[in-house]
PDB file of N, CA and C in Angstrom:
ATOM      1  N   MET A   1      45.302 -16.387  38.572  1.00  0.00           N
ATOM      2  CA  MET A   1      43.948 -16.052  38.221  1.00  0.00           C
ATOM      3  C   MET A   1      43.905 -14.774  37.378  1.00  0.00           C
ATOM      4  N   VAL A   2      44.760 -13.803  37.719  1.00  0.00           N
ATOM      5  CA  VAL A   2      44.799 -12.548  36.981  1.00  0.00           C
ATOM      6  C   VAL A   2      45.270 -12.800  35.546  1.00  0.00           C
ATOM      7  N   LYS A   3      46.249 -13.696  35.407  1.00  0.00           N
ATOM      8  CA  LYS A   3      46.744 -14.010  34.071  1.00  0.00           C
ATOM      9  C   LYS A   3      45.647 -14.652  33.220  1.00  0.00           C
ATOM     10  N   LEU A   4      44.856 -15.505  33.864  1.00  0.00           N
ATOM     11  CA  LEU A   4      43.767 -16.152  33.150  1.00  0.00           C
ATOM     12  C   LEU A   4      42.733 -15.119  32.723  1.00  0.00           C
ATOM     13  N   ASN A   5      42.410 -14.160  33.588  1.00  0.00           N
ATOM     14  CA  ASN A   5      41.452 -13.113  33.259  1.00  0.00           C
ATOM     15  C   ASN A   5      41.964 -12.241  32.104  1.00  0.00           C
ATOM     16  N   ILE A   6      43.252 -11.914  32.136  1.00  0.00           N
ATOM     17  CA  ILE A   6      43.833 -11.108  31.055  1.00  0.00           C
ATOM     18  C   ILE A   6      43.798 -11.891  29.746  1.00  0.00           C
ATOM     19  N   LEU A   7      44.125 -13.172  29.820  1.00  0.00           N
ATOM     20  CA  LEU A   7      44.090 -14.016  28.626  1.00  0.00           C
ATOM     21  C   LEU A   7      42.665 -14.103  28.076  1.00  0.00           C
ATOM     22  N   LEU A   8      41.697 -14.303  28.925  1.00  0.00           N
ATOM     23  CA  LEU A   8      40.298 -14.374  28.483  1.00  0.00           C
ATOM     24  C   LEU A   8      39.833 -13.031  27.917  1.00  0.00           C
ATOM     25  N   ALA A   9      40.272 -11.932  28.508  1.00  0.00           N
ATOM     26  CA  ALA A   9      39.905 -10.606  28.000  1.00  0.00           C
ATOM     27  C   ALA A   9      40.494 -10.387  26.613  1.00  0.00           C
ATOM     28  N   LEU A  10      41.765 -10.799  26.411  1.00  0.00           N
ATOM     29  CA  LEU A  10      42.389 -10.680  25.082  1.00  0.00           C
ATOM     30  C   LEU A  10      41.663 -11.554  24.055  1.00  0.00           C
ATOM     31  N   ILE A  11      41.283 -12.748  24.446  1.00  0.00           N
ATOM     32  CA  ILE A  11      40.530 -13.624  23.541  1.00  0.00           C
ATOM     33  C   ILE A  11      39.174 -13.004  23.220  1.00  0.00           C
ATOM     34  N   LEU A  12      38.524 -12.423  24.206  1.00  0.00           N
ATOM     35  CA  LEU A  12      37.229 -11.772  24.008  1.00  0.00           C
ATOM     36  C   LEU A  12      37.361 -10.577  23.054  1.00  0.00           C
ATOM     37  N   ILE A  13      38.379  -9.757  23.251  1.00  0.00           N
ATOM     38  CA  ILE A  13      38.595  -8.586  22.376  1.00  0.00           C
ATOM     39  C   ILE A  13      38.909  -9.040  20.951  1.00  0.00           C
ATOM     40  N   THR A  14      39.770 -10.048  20.822  1.00  0.00           N
ATOM     41  CA  THR A  14      40.104 -10.570  19.498  1.00  0.00           C
ATOM     42  C   THR A  14      38.866 -11.138  18.814  1.00  0.00           C
ATOM     43  N   SER A  15      38.078 -11.865  19.559  1.00  0.00           N
ATOM     44  CA  SER A  15      36.847 -12.435  19.018  1.00  0.00           C
ATOM     45  C   SER A  15      35.875 -11.336  18.587  1.00  0.00           C
ATOM     46  N   ALA A  16      35.721 -10.297  19.410  1.00  0.00           N
ATOM     47  CA  ALA A  16      34.828  -9.184  19.081  1.00  0.00           C
ATOM     48  C   ALA A  16      35.303  -8.462  17.826  1.00  0.00           C
ATOM     49  N   LEU A  17      36.618  -8.231  17.718  1.00  0.00           N
ATOM     50  CA  LEU A  17      37.155  -7.597  16.512  1.00  0.00           C
ATOM     51  C   LEU A  17      36.931  -8.472  15.281  1.00  0.00           C
ATOM     52  N   GLY A  18      37.053  -9.773  15.433  1.00  0.00           N
ATOM     53  CA  GLY A  18      36.788 -10.693  14.328  1.00  0.00           C
ATOM     54  C   GLY A  18      35.337 -10.638  13.880  1.00  0.00           C
ATOM     55  N   VAL A  19      34.413 -10.580  14.841  1.00  0.00           N
ATOM     56  CA  VAL A  19      32.985 -10.484  14.506  1.00  0.00           C
ATOM     57  C   VAL A  19      32.696  -9.179  13.771  1.00  0.00           C
ATOM     58  N   VAL A  20      33.236  -8.074  14.274  1.00  0.00           N
ATOM     59  CA  VAL A  20      33.013  -6.776  13.644  1.00  0.00           C
ATOM     60  C   VAL A  20      33.592  -6.769  12.225  1.00  0.00           C
ATOM     61  N   THR A  21      34.790  -7.316  12.072  1.00  0.00           N
ATOM     62  CA  THR A  21      35.424  -7.351  10.753  1.00  0.00           C
ATOM     63  C   THR A  21      34.621  -8.207   9.783  1.00  0.00           C
ATOM     64  N   SER A  22      34.174  -9.378  10.241  1.00  0.00           N
ATOM     65  CA  SER A  22      33.412 -10.252   9.348  1.00  0.00           C
ATOM     66  C   SER A  22      32.054  -9.637   8.996  1.00  0.00           C
ATOM     67  N   GLN A  23      31.405  -8.957   9.929  1.00  0.00           N
ATOM     68  CA  GLN A  23      30.140  -8.280   9.623  1.00  0.00           C
ATOM     69  C   GLN A  23      30.355  -7.164   8.601  1.00  0.00           C
ATOM     70  N   HIS A  24      31.426  -6.402   8.776  1.00  0.00           N
ATOM     71  CA  HIS A  24      31.719  -5.327   7.828  1.00  0.00           C
ATOM     72  C   HIS A  24      31.972  -5.889   6.433  1.00  0.00           C
ATOM     73  N   LYS A  25      32.745  -6.988   6.371  1.00  0.00           N
ATOM     74  CA  LYS A  25      33.038  -7.600   5.072  1.00  0.00           C
ATOM     75  C   LYS A  25      31.764  -8.157   4.448  1.00  0.00           C
ATOM     76  N   ALA A  26      30.911  -8.774   5.241  1.00  0.00           N
ATOM     77  CA  ALA A  26      29.656  -9.323   4.730  1.00  0.00           C
ATOM     78  C   ALA A  26      28.758  -8.213   4.184  1.00  0.00           C
ATOM     79  N   ARG A  27      28.682  -7.110   4.890  1.00  0.00           N
ATOM     80  CA  ARG A  27      27.866  -5.980   4.413  1.00  0.00           C
ATOM     81  C   ARG A  27      28.441  -5.382   3.138  1.00  0.00           C
ATOM     82  N   SER A  28      29.752  -5.279   3.066  1.00  0.00           N
ATOM     83  CA  SER A  28      30.391  -4.757   1.849  1.00  0.00           C
ATOM     84  C   SER A  28      30.124  -5.677   0.664  1.00  0.00           C
ATOM     85  N   LEU A  29      30.247  -6.975   0.879  1.00  0.00           N
ATOM     86  CA  LEU A  29      29.989  -7.935  -0.200  1.00  0.00           C
ATOM     87  C   LEU A  29      28.520  -7.919  -0.615  1.00  0.00           C
ATOM     88  N   PHE A  30      27.611  -7.767   0.344  1.00  0.00           N
ATOM     89  CA  PHE A  30      26.189  -7.707   0.020  1.00  0.00           C
ATOM     90  C   PHE A  30      25.876  -6.453  -0.799  1.00  0.00           C
ATOM     91  N   ALA A  31      26.497  -5.334  -0.426  1.00  0.00           N
ATOM     92  CA  ALA A  31      26.297  -4.100  -1.195  1.00  0.00           C
ATOM     93  C   ALA A  31      26.829  -4.262  -2.618  1.00  0.00           C
ATOM     94  N   ALA A  32      27.977  -4.907  -2.766  1.00  0.00           N
ATOM     95  CA  ALA A  32      28.528  -5.148  -4.097  1.00  0.00           C
ATOM     96  C   ALA A  32      27.625  -6.088  -4.900  1.00  0.00           C
ATOM     97  N   LEU A  33      27.073  -7.096  -4.241  1.00  0.00           N
ATOM     98  CA  LEU A  33      26.156  -8.030  -4.901  1.00  0.00           C
ATOM     99  C   LEU A  33      24.907  -7.307  -5.388  1.00  0.00           C
ATOM    100  N   GLU A  34      24.334  -6.460  -4.561  1.00  0.00           N
ATOM    101  CA  GLU A  34      23.153  -5.695  -4.953  1.00  0.00           C
ATOM    102  C   GLU A  34      23.467  -4.758  -6.117  1.00  0.00           C
ATOM    103  N   SER A  35      24.649  -4.174  -6.094  1.00  0.00           N
ATOM    104  CA  SER A  35      25.063  -3.309  -7.198  1.00  0.00           C
ATOM    105  C   SER A  35      25.157  -4.104  -8.496  1.00  0.00           C
ATOM    106  N   GLU A  36      25.705  -5.300  -8.426  1.00  0.00           N
ATOM    107  CA  GLU A  36      25.817  -6.148  -9.615  1.00  0.00           C
ATOM    108  C   GLU A  36      24.442  -6.597 -10.100  1.00  0.00           C
ATOM    109  N   HIS A  37      23.525  -6.875  -9.169  1.00  0.00           N
ATOM    110  CA  HIS A  37      22.155  -7.229  -9.568  1.00  0.00           C
ATOM    111  C   HIS A  37      21.492  -6.059 -10.303  1.00  0.00           C
ATOM    112  N   GLU A  38      21.714  -4.857  -9.819  1.00  0.00           N
ATOM    113  CA  GLU A  38      21.140  -3.675 -10.482  1.00  0.00           C
ATOM    114  C   GLU A  38      21.743  -3.496 -11.871  1.00  0.00           C
ATOM    115  N   THR A  39      23.042  -3.708 -11.981  1.00  0.00           N
ATOM    116  CA  THR A  39      23.695  -3.628 -13.292  1.00  0.00           C
ATOM    117  C   THR A  39      23.111  -4.675 -14.234  1.00  0.00           C
ATOM    118  N   ALA A  40      22.890  -5.884 -13.730  1.00  0.00           N
ATOM    119  CA  ALA A  40      22.311  -6.950 -14.555  1.00  0.00           C
ATOM    120  C   ALA A  40      20.904  -6.570 -15.014  1.00  0.00           C
ATOM    121  N   ARG A  41      20.105  -5.976 -14.131  1.00  0.00           N
ATOM    122  CA  ARG A  41      18.754  -5.544 -14.516  1.00  0.00           C
ATOM    123  C   ARG A  41      18.821  -4.462 -15.589  1.00  0.00           C
ATOM    124  N   GLN A  42      19.730  -3.521 -15.438  1.00  0.00           N
ATOM    125  CA  GLN A  42      19.876  -2.466 -16.446  1.00  0.00           C
ATOM    126  C   GLN A  42      20.315  -3.044 -17.785  1.00  0.00           C
ATOM    127  N   LEU A  43      21.225  -4.020 -17.761  1.00  0.00           N
ATOM    128  CA  LEU A  43      21.672  -4.654 -18.997  1.00  0.00           C
ATOM    129  C   LEU A  43      20.545  -5.451 -19.655  1.00  0.00           C
ATOM    130  N   ASP A  44      19.694  -6.092 -18.851  1.00  0.00           N
ATOM    131  CA  ASP A  44      18.539  -6.805 -19.402  1.00  0.00           C
ATOM    132  C   ASP A  44      17.593  -5.846 -20.107  1.00  0.00           C
ATOM    133  N   VAL A  45      17.355  -4.685 -19.497  1.00  0.00           N
ATOM    134  CA  VAL A  45      16.487  -3.678 -20.121  1.00  0.00           C
ATOM    135  C   VAL A  45      17.108  -3.181 -21.418  1.00  0.00           C
ATOM    136  N   LYS A  46      18.401  -2.903 -21.386  1.00  0.00           N
ATOM    137  CA  LYS A  46      19.102  -2.435 -22.585  1.00  0.00           C
ATOM    138  C   LYS A  46      19.060  -3.493 -23.686  1.00  0.00           C
ATOM    139  N   TRP A  47      19.226  -4.770 -23.330  1.00  0.00           N
ATOM    140  CA  TRP A  47      19.174  -5.856 -24.294  1.00  0.00           C
ATOM    141  C   TRP A  47      17.792  -5.927 -24.949  1.00  0.00           C
ATOM    142  N   GLY A  48      16.752  -5.784 -24.155  1.00  0.00           N
ATOM    143  CA  GLY A  48      15.400  -5.777 -24.706  1.00  0.00           C
ATOM    144  C   GLY A  48      15.186  -4.612 -25.666  1.00  0.00           C
ATOM    145  N   GLN A  49      15.705  -3.451 -25.291  1.00  0.00           N
ATOM    146  CA  GLN A  49      15.573  -2.286 -26.170  1.00  0.00           C
ATOM    147  C   GLN A  49      16.334  -2.500 -27.478  1.00  0.00           C
ATOM    148  N   LEU A  50      17.519  -3.092 -27.400  1.00  0.00           N
ATOM    149  CA  LEU A  50      18.306  -3.341 -28.610  1.00  0.00           C
ATOM    150  C   LEU A  50      17.629  -4.378 -29.515  1.00  0.00           C
ATOM    151  N   GLN A  51      17.017  -5.393 -28.914  1.00  0.00           N
ATOM    152  CA  GLN A  51      16.296  -6.382 -29.722  1.00  0.00           C
ATOM    153  C   GLN A  51      15.102  -5.739 -30.417  1.00  0.00           C
ATOM    154  N   LEU A  52      14.394  -4.877 -29.703  1.00  0.00           N
ATOM    155  CA  LEU A  52      13.259  -4.183 -30.308  1.00  0.00           C
ATOM    156  C   LEU A  52      13.732  -3.274 -31.438  1.00  0.00           C
ATOM    157  N   GLU A  53      14.819  -2.559 -31.209  1.00  0.00           N
ATOM    158  CA  GLU A  53      15.361  -1.679 -32.243  1.00  0.00           C
ATOM    159  C   GLU A  53      15.815  -2.484 -33.465  1.00  0.00           C
ATOM    160  N   GLN A  54      16.452  -3.626 -33.225  1.00  0.00           N
ATOM    161  CA  GLN A  54      16.900  -4.462 -34.336  1.00  0.00           C
ATOM    162  C   GLN A  54      15.716  -4.977 -35.145  1.00  0.00           C
ATOM    163  N   SER A  55      14.664  -5.408 -34.477  1.00  0.00           N
ATOM    164  CA  SER A  55      13.509  -5.912 -35.219  1.00  0.00           C
ATOM    165  C   SER A  55      12.829  -4.794 -35.995  1.00  0.00           C
ATOM    166  N   THR A  56      12.850  -3.585 -35.454  1.00  0.00           N
ATOM    167  CA  THR A  56      12.261  -2.448 -36.166  1.00  0.00           C
ATOM    168  C   THR A  56      13.095  -2.091 -37.388  1.00  0.00           C
ATOM    169  N   LEU A  57      14.411  -2.068 -37.229  1.00  0.00           N
ATOM    170  CA  LEU A  57      15.279  -1.696 -38.345  1.00  0.00           C
ATOM    171  C   LEU A  57      15.320  -2.757 -39.441  1.00  0.00           C
ATOM    172  N   ALA A  58      15.032  -4.001 -39.088  1.00  0.00           N
ATOM    173  CA  ALA A  58      15.110  -5.087 -40.066  1.00  0.00           C
ATOM    174  C   ALA A  58      13.772  -5.380 -40.742  1.00  0.00           C
ATOM    175  N   MET A  59      12.767  -4.555 -40.517  1.00  0.00           N
ATOM    176  CA  MET A  59      11.467  -4.797 -41.135  1.00  0.00           C
ATOM    177  C   MET A  59      11.584  -4.657 -42.654  1.00  0.00           C
ATOM    178  N   HIS A  60      10.895  -5.552 -43.371  1.00  0.00           N
ATOM    179  CA  HIS A  60      10.988  -5.608 -44.828  1.00  0.00           C
ATOM    180  C   HIS A  60      10.603  -4.272 -45.468  1.00  0.00           C
ATOM    181  N   GLY A  61       9.521  -3.681 -45.000  1.00  0.00           N
ATOM    182  CA  GLY A  61       9.064  -2.415 -45.583  1.00  0.00           C
ATOM    183  C   GLY A  61      10.077  -1.301 -45.424  1.00  0.00           C
ATOM    184  N   ARG A  62      10.727  -1.249 -44.280  1.00  0.00           N
ATOM    185  CA  ARG A  62      11.727  -0.208 -44.032  1.00  0.00           C
ATOM    186  C   ARG A  62      12.938  -0.402 -44.938  1.00  0.00           C
ATOM    187  N   ILE A  63      13.381  -1.648 -45.070  1.00  0.00           N
ATOM    188  CA  ILE A  63      14.529  -1.922 -45.941  1.00  0.00           C
ATOM    189  C   ILE A  63      14.195  -1.577 -47.384  1.00  0.00           C
ATOM    190  N   GLU A  64      12.971  -1.925 -47.800  1.00  0.00           N
ATOM    191  CA  GLU A  64      12.561  -1.609 -49.171  1.00  0.00           C
ATOM    192  C   GLU A  64      12.500  -0.102 -49.389  1.00  0.00           C
ATOM    193  N   GLN A  65      12.001   0.631 -48.398  1.00  0.00           N
ATOM    194  CA  GLN A  65      11.921   2.093 -48.519  1.00  0.00           C
ATOM    195  C   GLN A  65      13.317   2.705 -48.632  1.00  0.00           C
ATOM    196  N   ILE A  66      14.237   2.255 -47.829  1.00  0.00           N
ATOM    197  CA  ILE A  66      15.606   2.782 -47.879  1.00  0.00           C
ATOM    198  C   ILE A  66      16.241   2.445 -49.226  1.00  0.00           C
ATOM    199  N   ALA A  67      16.002   1.222 -49.713  1.00  0.00           N
ATOM    200  CA  ALA A  67      16.561   0.838 -51.008  1.00  0.00           C
ATOM    201  C   ALA A  67      16.019   1.734 -52.117  1.00  0.00           C
ATOM    202  N   ARG A  68      14.746   2.092 -52.043  1.00  0.00           N
ATOM    203  CA  ARG A  68      14.152   2.940 -53.078  1.00  0.00           C
ATOM    204  C   ARG A  68      14.623   4.388 -52.969  1.00  0.00           C
ATOM    205  N   THR A  69      14.644   4.939 -51.749  1.00  0.00           N
ATOM    206  CA  THR A  69      14.932   6.369 -51.596  1.00  0.00           C
ATOM    207  C   THR A  69      16.423   6.680 -51.600  1.00  0.00           C
ATOM    208  N   LYS A  70      17.186   5.985 -50.793  1.00  0.00           N
ATOM    209  CA  LYS A  70      18.604   6.335 -50.647  1.00  0.00           C
ATOM    210  C   LYS A  70      19.487   5.684 -51.698  1.00  0.00           C
ATOM    211  N   LEU A  71      19.138   4.481 -52.120  1.00  0.00           N
ATOM    212  CA  LEU A  71      19.989   3.760 -53.067  1.00  0.00           C
ATOM    213  C   LEU A  71      19.447   3.794 -54.492  1.00  0.00           C
ATOM    214  N   ASN A  72      18.311   4.432 -54.664  1.00  0.00           N
ATOM    215  CA  ASN A  72      17.662   4.537 -55.982  1.00  0.00           C
ATOM    216  C   ASN A  72      17.480   3.168 -56.634  1.00  0.00           C
ATOM    217  N   MET A  73      17.079   2.195 -55.852  1.00  0.00           N
ATOM    218  CA  MET A  73      16.848   0.859 -56.384  1.00  0.00           C
ATOM    219  C   MET A  73      15.366   0.691 -56.684  1.00  0.00           C
ATOM    220  N   LYS A  74      15.061  -0.190 -57.620  1.00  0.00           N
ATOM    221  CA  LYS A  74      13.669  -0.499 -57.926  1.00  0.00           C
ATOM    222  C   LYS A  74      13.591  -1.946 -58.367  1.00  0.00           C
ATOM    223  N   ALA A  75      12.402  -2.511 -58.260  1.00  0.00           N
ATOM    224  CA  ALA A  75      12.198  -3.896 -58.649  1.00  0.00           C
ATOM    225  C   ALA A  75      12.303  -4.009 -60.165  1.00  0.00           C
ATOM    226  N   PRO A  76      12.885  -5.089 -60.666  1.00  0.00           N
ATOM    227  CA  PRO A  76      13.002  -5.246 -62.121  1.00  0.00           C
ATOM    228  C   PRO A  76      11.636  -5.532 -62.739  1.00  0.00           C
ATOM    229  N   SER A  77      11.505  -5.214 -64.016  1.00  0.00           N
ATOM    230  CA  SER A  77      10.239  -5.493 -64.707  1.00  0.00           C
ATOM    231  C   SER A  77      10.115  -6.995 -64.910  1.00  0.00           C
ATOM    232  N   GLU A  78       8.901  -7.436 -65.144  1.00  0.00           N
ATOM    233  CA  GLU A  78       8.669  -8.875 -65.295  1.00  0.00           C
ATOM    234  C   GLU A  78       9.418  -9.443 -66.489  1.00  0.00           C
ATOM    235  N   SER A  79       9.640  -8.653 -67.498  1.00  0.00           N
ATOM    236  CA  SER A  79      10.353  -9.153 -68.677  1.00  0.00           C
ATOM    237  C   SER A  79      11.829  -9.420 -68.381  1.00  0.00           C
ATOM    238  N   ARG A  80      12.374  -8.825 -67.324  1.00  0.00           N
ATOM    239  CA  ARG A  80      13.788  -9.007 -66.987  1.00  0.00           C
ATOM    240  C   ARG A  80      14.006 -10.076 -65.922  1.00  0.00           C
ATOM    241  N   VAL A  81      12.907 -10.663 -65.418  1.00  0.00           N
ATOM    242  CA  VAL A  81      13.011 -11.679 -64.368  1.00  0.00           C
ATOM    243  C   VAL A  81      13.100 -13.046 -65.021  1.00  0.00           C
ATOM    244  N   GLN A  82      14.074 -13.843 -64.614  1.00  0.00           N
ATOM    245  CA  GLN A  82      14.223 -15.207 -65.117  1.00  0.00           C
ATOM    246  C   GLN A  82      14.132 -16.162 -63.935  1.00  0.00           C
ATOM    247  N   ILE A  83      13.343 -17.204 -64.111  1.00  0.00           N
ATOM    248  CA  ILE A  83      13.200 -18.215 -63.061  1.00  0.00           C
ATOM    249  C   ILE A  83      14.035 -19.407 -63.463  1.00  0.00           C
ATOM    250  N   VAL A  84      14.931 -19.818 -62.599  1.00  0.00           N
ATOM    251  CA  VAL A  84      15.832 -20.927 -62.865  1.00  0.00           C
ATOM    252  C   VAL A  84      15.375 -22.113 -62.035  1.00  0.00           C
ATOM    253  N   THR A  85      15.177 -23.247 -62.684  1.00  0.00           N
ATOM    254  CA  THR A  85      14.794 -24.462 -61.970  1.00  0.00           C
ATOM    255  C   THR A  85      15.962 -25.431 -61.973  1.00  0.00           C
ATOM    256  N   ALA A  86      15.971 -26.332 -61.022  1.00  0.00           N
ATOM    257  CA  ALA A  86      17.038 -27.335 -60.936  1.00  0.00           C
ATOM    258  C   ALA A  86      16.836 -28.357 -62.046  1.00  0.00           C
ATOM    259  N   ALA A  87      17.919 -28.784 -62.667  1.00  0.00           N
ATOM    260  CA  ALA A  87      17.837 -29.752 -63.756  1.00  0.00           C
ATOM    261  C   ALA A  87      17.414 -31.115 -63.241  1.00  0.00           C
ATOM    262  N   HIS A  88      17.968 -31.542 -62.113  1.00  0.00           N
ATOM    263  CA  HIS A  88      17.638 -32.829 -61.516  1.00  0.00           C
ATOM    264  C   HIS A  88      17.278 -32.596 -60.056  1.00  0.00           C
ATOM    265  N   PRO A  89      15.989 -32.595 -59.739  1.00  0.00           N
ATOM    266  CA  PRO A  89      15.629 -32.386 -58.330  1.00  0.00           C
ATOM    267  C   PRO A  89      16.162 -33.535 -57.476  1.00  0.00           C
ATOM    268  N   VAL A  90      16.714 -33.197 -56.336  1.00  0.00           N
ATOM    269  CA  VAL A  90      17.303 -34.178 -55.434  1.00  0.00           C
ATOM    270  C   VAL A  90      16.205 -34.775 -54.580  1.00  0.00           C
ATOM    271  N   ASP A  91      16.154 -36.104 -54.538  1.00  0.00           N
ATOM    272  CA  ASP A  91      15.186 -36.810 -53.713  1.00  0.00           C
ATOM    273  C   ASP A  91      15.526 -36.547 -52.245  1.00  0.00           C
ATOM    274  N   ALA A  92      14.504 -36.554 -51.377  1.00  0.00           N
ATOM    275  CA  ALA A  92      14.728 -36.250 -49.969  1.00  0.00           C
ATOM    276  C   ALA A  92      15.650 -37.256 -49.304  1.00  0.00           C
ATOM    277  N   GLY A  93      15.709 -38.495 -49.832  1.00  0.00           N
ATOM    278  CA  GLY A  93      16.557 -39.519 -49.236  1.00  0.00           C
ATOM    279  C   GLY A  93      17.938 -39.585 -49.854  1.00  0.00           C
ATOM    280  N   GLU A  94      18.292 -38.669 -50.735  1.00  0.00           N
ATOM    281  CA  GLU A  94      19.601 -38.692 -51.378  1.00  0.00           C
ATOM    282  C   GLU A  94      20.438 -37.497 -50.919  1.00  0.00           C
ATOM    283  N   ASN A  95      21.731 -37.662 -50.937  1.00  0.00           N
ATOM    284  CA  ASN A  95      22.608 -36.536 -50.631  1.00  0.00           C
ATOM    285  C   ASN A  95      22.930 -35.799 -51.930  1.00  0.00           C
ATOM    286  N   SER A  96      23.782 -34.797 -51.880  1.00  0.00           N
ATOM    287  CA  SER A  96      24.074 -33.977 -53.048  1.00  0.00           C
ATOM    288  C   SER A  96      24.779 -34.749 -54.148  1.00  0.00           C
ATOM    289  N   ALA A  97      25.398 -35.875 -53.836  1.00  0.00           N
ATOM    290  CA  ALA A  97      26.082 -36.680 -54.851  1.00  0.00           C
ATOM    291  C   ALA A  97      25.140 -37.672 -55.494  1.00  0.00           C
ATOM    292  N   GLY A  98      23.889 -37.721 -55.057  1.00  0.00           N
ATOM    293  CA  GLY A  98      22.910 -38.614 -55.644  1.00  0.00           C
ATOM    294  C   GLY A  98      22.909 -39.993 -55.022  1.00  0.00           C
ATOM    295  N   GLU A  99      23.662 -40.200 -53.940  1.00  0.00           N
ATOM    296  CA  GLU A  99      23.730 -41.495 -53.272  1.00  0.00           C
ATOM    297  C   GLU A  99      22.631 -41.591 -52.238  1.00  0.00           C
ATOM    298  N   ARG A 100      22.045 -42.768 -52.115  1.00  0.00           N
ATOM    299  CA  ARG A 100      21.009 -42.993 -51.121  1.00  0.00           C
ATOM    300  C   ARG A 100      21.598 -42.942 -49.724  1.00  0.00           C
ATOM    301  N   MET A 101      20.901 -42.261 -48.826  1.00  0.00           N
ATOM    302  CA  MET A 101      21.366 -42.164 -47.448  1.00  0.00           C
ATOM    303  C   MET A 101      20.698 -43.266 -46.637  1.00  0.00           C
ATOM    304  N   PRO A 102      21.407 -43.903 -45.689  1.00  0.00           N
ATOM    305  CA  PRO A 102      20.804 -44.991 -44.889  1.00  0.00           C
ATOM    306  C   PRO A 102      19.754 -44.488 -43.951  1.00  0.00           C
TER     307      PRO A 102
END
C-alpha cells in the first residue's frame, strides 16, 4: 500500500509539474503572439503613412514644380510641338499584325 501511495504521489507531482510547465509555455506564447500583433499594427500604420507620402510626392503639380525649379525645365512652345498620328489605325478586333482575332 505504501508503494502504491508513493507511486501515486510521484504521478501527482509529475502531473502538477507538467501543468505548470504547459501553463508557463502557453503564457509565453500568448505574450509573443500579442507582441507580434502589436508589431503588425505598427507596420499597418507605417504602410498607410508611406502610401500617403507616396501619393503626396507623386502629385502632378509637385513634379511640375520640381521640374521647373530644380531642373530648369519648361514646357515647349506650341510651334515646337508635333502631333504624330498612326498611319493605319488598328481595328479593335485585329491584332498588331492586322489579322482578325476569333
